[in-house]
C-alpha atoms as a PDB file:
ATOM      1  CA  MET A   1       0.000   0.000   0.000  1.00  0.00           C
ATOM      2  CA  PRO A   2       1.543   3.343  -1.018  1.00  0.00           C
ATOM      3  CA  ARG A   3       2.105   5.878   1.704  1.00  0.00           C
ATOM      4  CA  SER A   4       0.468   9.250   1.345  1.00  0.00           C
ATOM      5  CA  ARG A   5       2.958  11.959   0.614  1.00  0.00           C
ATOM      6  CA  GLU A   6       2.927  14.835   3.015  1.00  0.00           C
ATOM      7  CA  THR A   7       3.923  18.088   1.476  1.00  0.00           C
ATOM      8  CA  ALA A   8       6.341  20.052   3.560  1.00  0.00           C
ATOM      9  CA  PRO A   9       5.567  23.756   3.817  1.00  0.00           C
ATOM     10  CA  PHE A  10       7.911  26.035   1.959  1.00  0.00           C
ATOM     11  CA  PRO A  11      10.415  27.661   4.272  1.00  0.00           C
ATOM     12  CA  GLU A  12       9.663  31.274   5.023  1.00  0.00           C
ATOM     13  CA  ARG A  13      11.907  33.717   3.273  1.00  0.00           C
ATOM     14  CA  ALA A  14      14.384  35.545   5.428  1.00  0.00           C
ATOM     15  CA  ALA A  15      13.902  38.804   3.527  1.00  0.00           C
ATOM     16  CA  TYR A  16      11.875  40.284   0.685  1.00  0.00           C
ATOM     17  CA  PRO A  17      12.900  42.601  -2.155  1.00  0.00           C
ATOM     18  CA  LEU A  18      11.616  46.156  -1.823  1.00  0.00           C
ATOM     19  CA  ALA A  19       9.133  45.745  -4.684  1.00  0.00           C
ATOM     20  CA  GLU A  20       7.512  42.694  -3.062  1.00  0.00           C
ATOM     21  CA  ALA A  21       7.423  44.285   0.380  1.00  0.00           C
ATOM     22  CA  ALA A  22       5.883  47.439  -1.083  1.00  0.00           C
ATOM     23  CA  ALA A  23       3.229  45.349  -2.851  1.00  0.00           C
ATOM     24  CA  LEU A  24       2.420  43.546   0.426  1.00  0.00           C
ATOM     25  CA  PHE A  25       1.778  46.880   2.133  1.00  0.00           C
ATOM     26  CA  GLY A  26       0.191  48.588  -0.860  1.00  0.00           C
ATOM     27  CA  ILE A  27       2.784  51.371  -0.922  1.00  0.00           C
ATOM     28  CA  THR A  28       5.605  52.420  -3.237  1.00  0.00           C
ATOM     29  CA  ARG A  29       9.254  51.445  -2.994  1.00  0.00           C
ATOM     30  CA  GLN A  30      10.067  55.100  -2.352  1.00  0.00           C
ATOM     31  CA  HIS A  31       7.746  55.129   0.661  1.00  0.00           C
ATOM     32  CA  ILE A  32       9.617  52.139   2.087  1.00  0.00           C
ATOM     33  CA  TYR A  33      12.822  54.186   1.852  1.00  0.00           C
ATOM     34  CA  THR A  34      11.019  57.057   3.601  1.00  0.00           C
ATOM     35  CA  LEU A  35       9.879  54.736   6.400  1.00  0.00           C
ATOM     36  CA  ALA A  36      13.444  53.452   6.765  1.00  0.00           C
ATOM     37  CA  LYS A  37      14.824  56.989   6.942  1.00  0.00           C
ATOM     38  CA  ARG A  38      12.335  57.749   9.749  1.00  0.00           C
ATOM     39  CA  GLY A  39      13.405  54.571  11.569  1.00  0.00           C
ATOM     40  CA  GLU A  40       9.994  52.925  11.209  1.00  0.00           C
ATOM     41  CA  ILE A  41      11.244  49.935   9.212  1.00  0.00           C
ATOM     42  CA  ARG A  42      14.629  48.227   9.049  1.00  0.00           C
ATOM     43  CA  LEU A  43      16.289  47.444   5.737  1.00  0.00           C
ATOM     44  CA  VAL A  44      19.266  45.171   5.127  1.00  0.00           C
ATOM     45  CA  ARG A  45      21.824  45.206   2.342  1.00  0.00           C
ATOM     46  CA  LEU A  46      22.952  41.981   0.713  1.00  0.00           C
ATOM     47  CA  GLY A  47      25.540  42.829  -1.860  1.00  0.00           C
ATOM     48  CA  ARG A  48      23.867  45.409  -4.098  1.00  0.00           C
ATOM     49  CA  ARG A  49      20.347  44.417  -3.070  1.00  0.00           C
ATOM     50  CA  THR A  50      18.275  46.180  -0.439  1.00  0.00           C
ATOM     51  CA  LEU A  51      15.841  43.868   1.338  1.00  0.00           C
ATOM     52  CA  VAL A  52      13.150  44.066   3.995  1.00  0.00           C
ATOM     53  CA  PRO A  53      13.621  41.353   6.636  1.00  0.00           C
ATOM     54  CA  ALA A  54      10.631  39.038   7.080  1.00  0.00           C
ATOM     55  CA  SER A  55      10.698  39.894  10.794  1.00  0.00           C
ATOM     56  CA  GLU A  56       9.982  43.547   9.905  1.00  0.00           C
ATOM     57  CA  ILE A  57       7.048  42.569   7.710  1.00  0.00           C
ATOM     58  CA  ARG A  58       5.626  40.398  10.516  1.00  0.00           C
ATOM     59  CA  ARG A  59       6.162  43.174  13.074  1.00  0.00           C
ATOM     60  CA  LEU A  60       4.343  45.727  10.961  1.00  0.00           C
ATOM     61  CA  THR A  61       1.457  43.474   9.974  1.00  0.00           C
ATOM     62  CA  GLU A  62       0.882  42.199  13.503  1.00  0.00           C
ATOM     63  CA  ALA A  63       1.207  45.569  15.228  1.00  0.00           C
ATOM     64  CA  PRO A  64      -1.949  47.050  16.756  1.00  0.00           C
ATOM     65  CA  GLN A  65      -3.150  50.076  14.843  1.00  0.00           C
END
């Protein structure tokens, strides 16, 4: 009897490109830079890429309004 295959969940990404993070929040990439300049969101650099850590996205989406 064949065993049922369980699908493992995809691992969560450690960080998201600015364009994807902006789309998640419904804002522009420029506004993400503005939020970072104000200290409201943390960005990380990986080589030439600027990314938004997944922890920042969780923090902002789970924060009480």
